[in-house]
Amino acid sequence: MISKKQVPRISSEQVEHIAKLARIELTEKEKEKFTNELSSILDYVEKLNEVDTKNIESIQQITGLNNITRSDIEIRNPKSEIRNNILNEASSKKDNYFKVPKILE
């Protein structure tokens, strides 16, 4: 938390604007609380920005796992033959779906 002597980095009006964008209503007490908390977060980020990271290698992923995907090949699915046989027996169909009468208007 920021001390009472520090001036908040974010104003009450800005907190109100954020709340409006998020479509939430805040009490005056909540506005004051979030003004202090958001200011504290911004102060912490400023401290992080002061850290020298020039010689630090960036880390994109720490598990060492790679996404493995199968080749994009056509697979013959016997179930699709069954589906096609059933659809051929349908009294009404559209594309690969049964067409049924509308029940709601």
Protein backbone atom coordinates (compact mmCIF):
# COMPACT_ATOMS: atom_id res chain seq x y z
CA MET A 1 0.00 0.00 0.00
CA ILE A 2 1.10 3.55 -0.54
CA SER A 3 1.51 5.70 2.53
CA LYS A 4 -0.93 8.49 3.28
CA LYS A 5 1.75 11.10 2.43
CA GLN A 6 2.22 9.90 -1.15
CA VAL A 7 0.07 11.33 -3.88
CA PRO A 8 -1.83 8.55 -5.70
CA ARG A 9 -0.58 7.88 -9.24
CA ILE A 10 -4.15 7.32 -10.39
CA SER A 11 -7.00 9.68 -9.69
CA SER A 12 -10.45 8.92 -8.37
CA GLU A 13 -11.84 10.10 -11.71
CA GLN A 14 -9.68 7.54 -13.53
CA VAL A 15 -10.95 4.81 -11.20
CA GLU A 16 -14.52 5.93 -11.95
CA HIS A 17 -13.76 5.77 -15.68
CA ILE A 18 -12.33 2.24 -15.35
CA ALA A 19 -15.38 1.18 -13.34
CA LYS A 20 -17.67 2.62 -16.01
CA LEU A 21 -15.81 0.71 -18.73
CA ALA A 22 -16.11 -2.47 -16.64
CA ARG A 23 -19.79 -1.68 -16.04
CA ILE A 24 -19.49 -1.88 -12.26
CA GLU A 25 -20.69 0.53 -9.64
CA LEU A 26 -18.34 1.55 -6.85
CA THR A 27 -19.05 3.17 -3.51
CA GLU A 28 -16.91 6.13 -2.43
CA LYS A 29 -15.05 3.82 -0.05
CA GLU A 30 -14.33 1.36 -2.90
CA LYS A 31 -13.15 4.20 -5.17
CA GLU A 32 -10.66 5.28 -2.50
CA LYS A 33 -9.54 1.69 -1.94
CA PHE A 34 -9.00 1.02 -5.66
CA THR A 35 -7.27 4.37 -6.16
CA ASN A 36 -4.72 3.37 -3.50
CA GLU A 37 -4.37 -0.22 -4.71
CA LEU A 38 -3.94 0.70 -8.38
CA SER A 39 -1.43 3.38 -7.43
CA SER A 40 0.48 0.80 -5.40
CA ILE A 41 0.56 -1.56 -8.40
CA LEU A 42 1.87 1.23 -10.64
CA ASP A 43 4.58 2.04 -8.06
CA TYR A 44 5.64 -1.61 -8.04
CA VAL A 45 5.77 -1.75 -11.85
CA GLU A 46 7.95 1.37 -11.80
CA LYS A 47 10.36 -0.41 -9.43
CA LEU A 48 10.43 -3.41 -11.77
CA ASN A 49 11.27 -1.10 -14.69
CA GLU A 50 14.39 0.03 -12.82
CA VAL A 51 15.87 -3.50 -12.84
CA ASP A 52 18.69 -3.96 -15.35
CA THR A 53 17.68 -6.82 -17.66
CA LYS A 54 20.11 -6.20 -20.55
CA ASN A 55 22.07 -9.44 -19.99
CA ILE A 56 19.06 -11.59 -19.14
CA GLU A 57 17.87 -14.06 -21.75
CA SER A 58 14.15 -13.85 -22.38
CA ILE A 59 12.09 -16.87 -21.38
CA GLN A 60 9.12 -17.70 -23.55
CA GLN A 61 8.34 -21.09 -22.13
CA ILE A 62 9.84 -22.86 -19.11
CA THR A 63 8.59 -26.46 -19.35
CA GLY A 64 10.58 -27.44 -22.43
CA LEU A 65 7.51 -29.08 -23.92
CA ASN A 66 6.63 -28.61 -27.55
CA ASN A 67 3.19 -28.71 -29.08
CA ILE A 68 2.92 -31.91 -31.06
CA THR A 69 0.35 -32.04 -33.83
CA ARG A 70 -0.46 -34.75 -36.30
CA SER A 71 0.00 -34.36 -40.01
CA ASP A 72 -2.98 -32.91 -41.79
CA ILE A 73 -4.08 -36.01 -43.68
CA GLU A 74 -7.48 -37.27 -44.69
CA ILE A 75 -8.64 -40.07 -42.45
CA ARG A 76 -11.27 -42.49 -43.71
CA ASN A 77 -13.90 -42.69 -41.01
CA PRO A 78 -16.23 -45.70 -41.15
CA LYS A 79 -18.72 -43.79 -39.00
CA SER A 80 -19.12 -41.27 -41.80
CA GLU A 81 -20.32 -44.07 -44.08
CA ILE A 82 -22.92 -45.05 -41.49
CA ARG A 83 -23.95 -41.39 -41.15
CA ASN A 84 -24.30 -41.06 -44.92
CA ASN A 85 -26.44 -44.22 -45.11
CA ILE A 86 -28.73 -42.88 -42.40
CA LEU A 87 -28.97 -39.45 -44.02
CA ASN A 88 -29.85 -41.08 -47.35
CA GLU A 89 -32.91 -42.60 -45.64
CA ALA A 90 -34.05 -39.23 -44.22
CA SER A 91 -37.21 -37.77 -45.71
CA SER A 92 -35.71 -34.28 -45.58
CA LYS A 93 -32.10 -33.19 -45.24
CA LYS A 94 -29.90 -30.18 -45.85
CA ASP A 95 -26.14 -30.49 -46.23
CA ASN A 96 -25.17 -33.22 -43.76
CA TYR A 97 -28.02 -32.64 -41.32
CA PHE A 98 -31.57 -33.82 -40.83
CA LYS A 99 -34.08 -31.13 -41.74
CA VAL A 100 -36.97 -31.03 -39.27
CA PRO A 101 -40.11 -28.89 -39.18
CA LYS A 102 -39.93 -25.62 -37.29
CA ILE A 103 -41.66 -25.91 -33.90
CA LEU A 104 -41.27 -22.33 -32.68
CA GLU A 105 -42.17 -19.16 -34.47
